[in-house]
C-alpha atoms as a PDB file:
ATOM      1  CA  MET A   1      -0.126  -0.002  -0.039  1.00  0.00           C
ATOM      2  CA  GLU A   2       2.920   2.468   0.659  1.00  0.00           C
ATOM      3  CA  THR A   3       4.402   1.797  -2.636  1.00  0.00           C
ATOM      4  CA  THR A   4       0.914   2.652  -4.492  1.00  0.00           C
ATOM      5  CA  LEU A   5       0.512   5.851  -2.353  1.00  0.00           C
ATOM      6  CA  ARG A   6       4.200   6.735  -3.115  1.00  0.00           C
ATOM      7  CA  VAL A   7       3.314   6.231  -6.882  1.00  0.00           C
ATOM      8  CA  LEU A   8       0.073   8.226  -6.713  1.00  0.00           C
ATOM      9  CA  GLY A   9       1.523  10.884  -5.030  1.00  0.00           C
ATOM     10  CA  ASP A  10       4.421  11.124  -7.735  1.00  0.00           C
ATOM     11  CA  GLY A  11       1.800  11.071 -10.533  1.00  0.00           C
ATOM     12  CA  LEU A  12      -0.137  13.986  -8.740  1.00  0.00           C
ATOM     13  CA  SER A  13       3.243  16.079  -8.083  1.00  0.00           C
ATOM     14  CA  ILE A  14       4.025  15.447 -11.608  1.00  0.00           C
ATOM     15  CA  ALA A  15       0.668  16.835 -12.846  1.00  0.00           C
ATOM     16  CA  ALA A  16       0.714  19.723 -10.551  1.00  0.00           C
ATOM     17  CA  LEU A  17       4.403  20.499 -11.889  1.00  0.00           C
ATOM     18  CA  ALA A  18       3.114  20.094 -15.665  1.00  0.00           C
ATOM     19  CA  ILE A  19       0.455  22.522 -15.127  1.00  0.00           C
ATOM     20  CA  ILE A  20       2.467  25.071 -13.470  1.00  0.00           C
ATOM     21  CA  ALA A  21       5.417  24.770 -15.856  1.00  0.00           C
ATOM     22  CA  ALA A  22       2.779  24.883 -18.911  1.00  0.00           C
ATOM     23  CA  THR A  23       1.092  28.266 -17.372  1.00  0.00           C
ATOM     24  CA  ALA A  24       4.119  29.734 -16.828  1.00  0.00           C
ATOM     25  CA  GLN A  25       5.621  29.054 -20.157  1.00  0.00           C
ATOM     26  CA  GLY A  26       2.346  30.295 -21.816  1.00  0.00           C
ATOM     27  CA  ALA A  27       2.714  33.539 -19.675  1.00  0.00           C
ATOM     28  CA  TRP A  28       6.448  34.090 -20.576  1.00  0.00           C
ATOM     29  CA  LYS A  29       5.355  33.913 -24.299  1.00  0.00           C
ATOM     30  CA  ARG A  30       2.599  36.462 -23.752  1.00  0.00           C
ATOM     31  CA  ILE A  31       4.333  39.077 -21.464  1.00  0.00           C
ATOM     32  CA  PRO A  32       6.818  41.168 -23.585  1.00  0.00           C
ATOM     33  CA  LYS A  33      10.283  41.556 -22.436  1.00  0.00           C
ATOM     34  CA  GLY A  34      11.066  44.374 -19.953  1.00  0.00           C
ATOM     35  CA  VAL A  35       7.446  44.489 -18.753  1.00  0.00           C
ATOM     36  CA  PRO A  36       7.521  44.352 -14.763  1.00  0.00           C
ATOM     37  CA  VAL A  37       5.245  41.841 -13.684  1.00  0.00           C
ATOM     38  CA  PRO A  38       2.637  42.296 -10.822  1.00  0.00           C
ATOM     39  CA  MET A  39       3.284  40.306  -7.999  1.00  0.00           C
ATOM     40  CA  GLN A  40       0.709  41.495  -5.032  1.00  0.00           C
ATOM     41  CA  TRP A  41      -2.413  43.432  -5.320  1.00  0.00           C
ATOM     42  CA  ASP A  42      -3.881  45.430  -2.687  1.00  0.00           C
ATOM     43  CA  PHE A  43      -7.589  45.538  -1.466  1.00  0.00           C
ATOM     44  CA  ALA A  44      -8.807  48.028  -4.431  1.00  0.00           C
ATOM     45  CA  GLY A  45      -7.145  45.661  -7.025  1.00  0.00           C
ATOM     46  CA  LYS A  46      -4.028  47.777  -7.668  1.00  0.00           C
ATOM     47  CA  PRO A  47      -0.809  46.265  -7.749  1.00  0.00           C
ATOM     48  CA  THR A  48       1.355  47.109  -4.916  1.00  0.00           C
ATOM     49  CA  TRP A  49       4.695  46.046  -6.302  1.00  0.00           C
ATOM     50  CA  ARG A  50       6.090  44.161  -9.363  1.00  0.00           C
ATOM     51  CA  ALA A  51       9.155  42.203 -10.097  1.00  0.00           C
ATOM     52  CA  PRO A  52      11.257  41.399 -13.531  1.00  0.00           C
ATOM     53  CA  LYS A  53       9.588  38.912 -15.772  1.00  0.00           C
ATOM     54  CA  PRO A  54      12.149  36.071 -14.741  1.00  0.00           C
ATOM     55  CA  LEU A  55      11.809  36.458 -11.204  1.00  0.00           C
ATOM     56  CA  ALA A  56       7.935  36.661 -11.401  1.00  0.00           C
ATOM     57  CA  LEU A  57       7.348  33.806 -13.420  1.00  0.00           C
ATOM     58  CA  LEU A  58       9.844  31.303 -12.111  1.00  0.00           C
ATOM     59  CA  THR A  59       9.224  31.757  -8.227  1.00  0.00           C
ATOM     60  CA  ILE A  60       6.170  29.501  -8.091  1.00  0.00           C
ATOM     61  CA  PRO A  61       7.708  26.677 -10.328  1.00  0.00           C
ATOM     62  CA  ILE A  62      11.070  26.673  -8.517  1.00  0.00           C
ATOM     63  CA  ALA A  63       9.268  26.612  -4.972  1.00  0.00           C
ATOM     64  CA  SER A  64       6.790  23.983  -6.011  1.00  0.00           C
ATOM     65  CA  ILE A  65       9.485  21.465  -7.359  1.00  0.00           C
ATOM     66  CA  LEU A  66      11.313  22.315  -4.164  1.00  0.00           C
ATOM     67  CA  VAL A  67       8.278  21.436  -1.947  1.00  0.00           C
ATOM     68  CA  LEU A  68       7.099  18.587  -3.815  1.00  0.00           C
ATOM     69  CA  LEU A  69      10.726  16.885  -4.036  1.00  0.00           C
ATOM     70  CA  ALA A  70      10.765  17.426  -0.142  1.00  0.00           C
ATOM     71  CA  PHE A  71       7.353  15.636   0.292  1.00  0.00           C
ATOM     72  CA  THR A  72       8.902  12.738  -2.178  1.00  0.00           C
ATOM     73  CA  ALA A  73      11.834  12.442   0.181  1.00  0.00           C
ATOM     74  CA  THR A  74       9.625  12.686   2.950  1.00  0.00           C
ATOM     75  CA  GLN A  75       7.136   9.947   2.077  1.00  0.00           C
ATOM     76  CA  ALA A  76       9.780   7.364   1.048  1.00  0.00           C
ATOM     77  CA  THR A  77      10.984   7.552   4.687  1.00  0.00           C
ATOM     78  CA  PHE A  78       7.766   6.505   5.936  1.00  0.00           C
ATOM     79  CA  THR A  79       7.369   3.013   4.473  1.00  0.00           C
ATOM     80  CA  ASP A  80       7.094   1.380   7.609  1.00  0.00           C
ATOM     81  CA  ASP A  81       4.030   2.890   9.221  1.00  0.00           C
ATOM     82  CA  PRO A  82       0.894   3.010   6.742  1.00  0.00           C
ATOM     83  CA  MET A  83      -0.972   5.621   8.723  1.00  0.00           C
ATOM     84  CA  ARG A  84       1.980   7.899   8.146  1.00  0.00           C
ATOM     85  CA  ALA A  85       1.971   7.163   4.368  1.00  0.00           C
ATOM     86  CA  ILE A  86      -1.405   7.777   4.358  1.00  0.00           C
ATOM     87  CA  ILE A  87      -1.222  11.286   6.025  1.00  0.00           C
ATOM     88  CA  ILE A  88       2.075  12.301   3.658  1.00  0.00           C
ATOM     89  CA  PHE A  89       0.059  11.246   0.430  1.00  0.00           C
ATOM     90  CA  LEU A  90      -3.113  13.212   1.634  1.00  0.00           C
ATOM     91  CA  VAL A  91      -0.727  16.346   2.563  1.00  0.00           C
ATOM     92  CA  ARG A  92       1.175  15.901  -0.817  1.00  0.00           C
ATOM     93  CA  ALA A  93      -2.205  15.569  -2.872  1.00  0.00           C
ATOM     94  CA  THR A  94      -3.597  18.679  -1.352  1.00  0.00           C
ATOM     95  CA  LEU A  95      -0.081  20.601  -1.664  1.00  0.00           C
ATOM     96  CA  ALA A  96       0.100  19.802  -5.236  1.00  0.00           C
ATOM     97  CA  ALA A  97      -3.307  20.948  -6.173  1.00  0.00           C
ATOM     98  CA  SER A  98      -2.754  24.174  -4.008  1.00  0.00           C
ATOM     99  CA  LEU A  99       0.345  25.283  -5.656  1.00  0.00           C
ATOM    100  CA  ALA A 100      -0.970  24.666  -9.264  1.00  0.00           C
ATOM    101  CA  LEU A 101      -4.256  26.871  -8.273  1.00  0.00           C
ATOM    102  CA  SER A 102      -1.863  29.472  -6.787  1.00  0.00           C
ATOM    103  CA  GLN A 103      -0.106  29.647 -10.024  1.00  0.00           C
ATOM    104  CA  LEU A 104      -3.168  29.435 -12.255  1.00  0.00           C
ATOM    105  CA  PHE A 105      -4.786  32.527  -9.949  1.00  0.00           C
ATOM    106  CA  HIS A 106      -2.008  34.462  -9.915  1.00  0.00           C
ATOM    107  CA  LEU A 107      -1.304  34.259 -13.905  1.00  0.00           C
ATOM    108  CA  ARG A 108      -4.858  35.018 -14.204  1.00  0.00           C
ATOM    109  CA  PHE A 109      -4.443  38.335 -12.038  1.00  0.00           C
ATOM    110  CA  VAL A 110      -1.163  39.415 -13.803  1.00  0.00           C
ATOM    111  CA  ILE A 111      -2.634  38.869 -17.462  1.00  0.00           C
ATOM    112  CA  LYS A 112      -5.790  40.985 -16.611  1.00  0.00           C
ATOM    113  CA  THR A 113      -3.723  43.653 -14.802  1.00  0.00           C
ATOM    114  CA  LEU A 114      -1.278  43.963 -17.968  1.00  0.00           C
ATOM    115  CA  GLN A 115      -4.359  43.869 -20.295  1.00  0.00           C
ATOM    116  CA  ASP A 116      -6.307  46.792 -18.274  1.00  0.00           C
ATOM    117  CA  GLU A 117      -2.972  48.652 -18.359  1.00  0.00           C
ATOM    118  CA  GLY A 118      -2.360  48.035 -22.059  1.00  0.00           C
ATOM    119  CA  GLN A 119       0.817  46.448 -21.674  1.00  0.00           C
ATOM    120  CA  LEU A 120      -0.054  43.269 -23.393  1.00  0.00           C
END
Protein backbone atom coordinates (compact mmCIF):
# COMPACT_ATOMS: atom_id res chain seq x y z
CA MET A 1 0.00 0.00 0.00
CA GLU A 2 2.82 2.42 0.80
CA THR A 3 4.33 1.90 -2.65
CA THR A 4 0.98 2.57 -4.30
CA LEU A 5 0.55 5.80 -2.32
CA ARG A 6 4.08 6.88 -3.21
CA VAL A 7 3.46 6.27 -6.93
CA LEU A 8 0.10 8.08 -6.79
CA GLY A 9 1.75 10.97 -4.96
CA ASP A 10 4.48 11.13 -7.60
CA GLY A 11 1.84 11.18 -10.32
CA LEU A 12 -0.06 14.02 -8.67
CA SER A 13 3.16 15.96 -8.17
CA ILE A 14 4.14 15.50 -11.80
CA ALA A 15 0.69 16.58 -12.99
CA ALA A 16 0.78 19.69 -10.80
CA LEU A 17 4.29 20.58 -11.95
CA ALA A 18 3.25 20.11 -15.58
CA ILE A 19 0.36 22.53 -15.11
CA ILE A 20 2.60 25.02 -13.35
CA ALA A 21 5.32 24.80 -16.01
CA ALA A 22 2.88 25.02 -18.92
CA THR A 23 1.14 28.09 -17.55
CA ALA A 24 4.46 29.79 -16.74
CA GLN A 25 5.66 29.11 -20.29
CA GLY A 26 2.44 30.47 -21.76
CA ALA A 27 2.69 33.64 -19.69
CA TRP A 28 6.38 33.98 -20.60
CA LYS A 29 5.49 33.97 -24.30
CA ARG A 30 2.61 36.40 -23.81
CA ILE A 31 4.30 39.02 -21.59
CA PRO A 32 6.69 41.29 -23.54
CA LYS A 33 10.32 41.58 -22.51
CA GLY A 34 11.02 44.34 -20.02
CA VAL A 35 7.46 44.58 -18.67
CA PRO A 36 7.47 44.39 -14.86
CA VAL A 37 5.07 41.70 -13.67
CA PRO A 38 2.63 42.46 -10.83
CA MET A 39 3.23 40.23 -7.82
CA GLN A 40 0.79 41.50 -5.20
CA TRP A 41 -2.42 43.53 -5.23
CA ASP A 42 -4.13 45.73 -2.65
CA PHE A 43 -7.79 45.48 -1.66
CA ALA A 44 -8.74 47.86 -4.48
CA GLY A 45 -7.14 45.55 -7.06
CA LYS A 46 -4.14 47.75 -7.83
CA PRO A 47 -0.65 46.20 -7.93
CA THR A 48 1.42 47.06 -4.86
CA TRP A 49 4.74 45.78 -6.19
CA ARG A 50 6.18 44.29 -9.33
CA ALA A 51 9.11 42.06 -10.19
CA PRO A 52 11.18 41.46 -13.31
CA LYS A 53 9.68 38.88 -15.66
CA PRO A 54 12.13 36.01 -14.91
CA LEU A 55 11.77 36.36 -11.14
CA ALA A 56 8.00 36.75 -11.29
CA LEU A 57 7.33 33.81 -13.58
CA LEU A 58 9.85 31.38 -12.11
CA THR A 59 9.22 31.88 -8.37
CA ILE A 60 6.20 29.58 -8.04
CA PRO A 61 7.58 26.83 -10.33
CA ILE A 62 10.92 26.66 -8.52
CA ALA A 63 9.31 26.77 -5.08
CA SER A 64 6.83 24.08 -6.14
CA ILE A 65 9.60 21.79 -7.35
CA LEU A 66 11.49 22.17 -4.07
CA VAL A 67 8.42 21.62 -1.88
CA LEU A 68 7.12 18.63 -3.82
CA LEU A 69 10.56 17.00 -3.98
CA ALA A 70 10.87 17.42 -0.22
CA PHE A 71 7.59 15.58 0.23
CA THR A 72 8.75 12.88 -2.18
CA ALA A 73 11.80 12.31 0.00
CA THR A 74 9.70 12.45 3.17
CA GLN A 75 7.20 9.90 1.89
CA ALA A 76 10.02 7.51 0.98
CA THR A 77 11.18 7.46 4.62
CA PHE A 78 7.81 6.40 6.08
CA THR A 79 7.43 3.02 4.43
CA ASP A 80 7.03 1.15 7.73
CA ASP A 81 3.89 2.90 9.01
CA PRO A 82 0.79 2.82 6.75
CA MET A 83 -0.95 5.63 8.64
CA ARG A 84 1.98 8.00 8.12
CA ALA A 85 2.10 7.06 4.46
CA ILE A 86 -1.60 7.91 4.09
CA ILE A 87 -1.21 11.23 5.89
CA ILE A 88 1.79 12.25 3.82
CA PHE A 89 0.00 11.24 0.62
CA LEU A 90 -3.03 13.34 1.55
CA VAL A 91 -0.91 16.35 2.47
CA ARG A 92 1.09 15.91 -0.72
CA ALA A 93 -2.05 15.70 -2.89
CA THR A 94 -3.55 18.78 -1.26
CA LEU A 95 -0.30 20.70 -1.57
CA ALA A 96 0.16 19.79 -5.25
CA ALA A 97 -3.34 21.02 -6.06
CA SER A 98 -2.87 24.18 -3.98
CA LEU A 99 0.40 25.05 -5.70
CA ALA A 100 -1.10 24.54 -9.15
CA LEU A 101 -4.13 26.67 -8.25
CA SER A 102 -1.94 29.42 -6.80
CA GLN A 103 -0.04 29.57 -10.10
CA LEU A 104 -3.27 29.70 -12.12
CA PHE A 105 -4.82 32.45 -9.98
CA HIS A 106 -1.62 34.50 -9.91
CA LEU A 107 -1.20 34.38 -13.68
CA ARG A 108 -4.88 35.16 -14.20
CA PHE A 109 -4.50 38.36 -12.18
CA VAL A 110 -1.20 39.18 -13.90
CA ILE A 111 -2.68 38.88 -17.39
CA LYS A 112 -5.82 40.82 -16.42
CA THR A 113 -3.79 43.63 -14.83
CA LEU A 114 -1.40 43.91 -17.77
CA GLN A 115 -4.30 43.91 -20.24
CA ASP A 116 -6.09 46.65 -18.29
CA GLU A 117 -2.86 48.70 -18.35
CA GLY A 118 -2.45 48.15 -22.11
CA GLN A 119 0.91 46.39 -21.75
CA LEU A 120 -0.17 43.19 -23.54
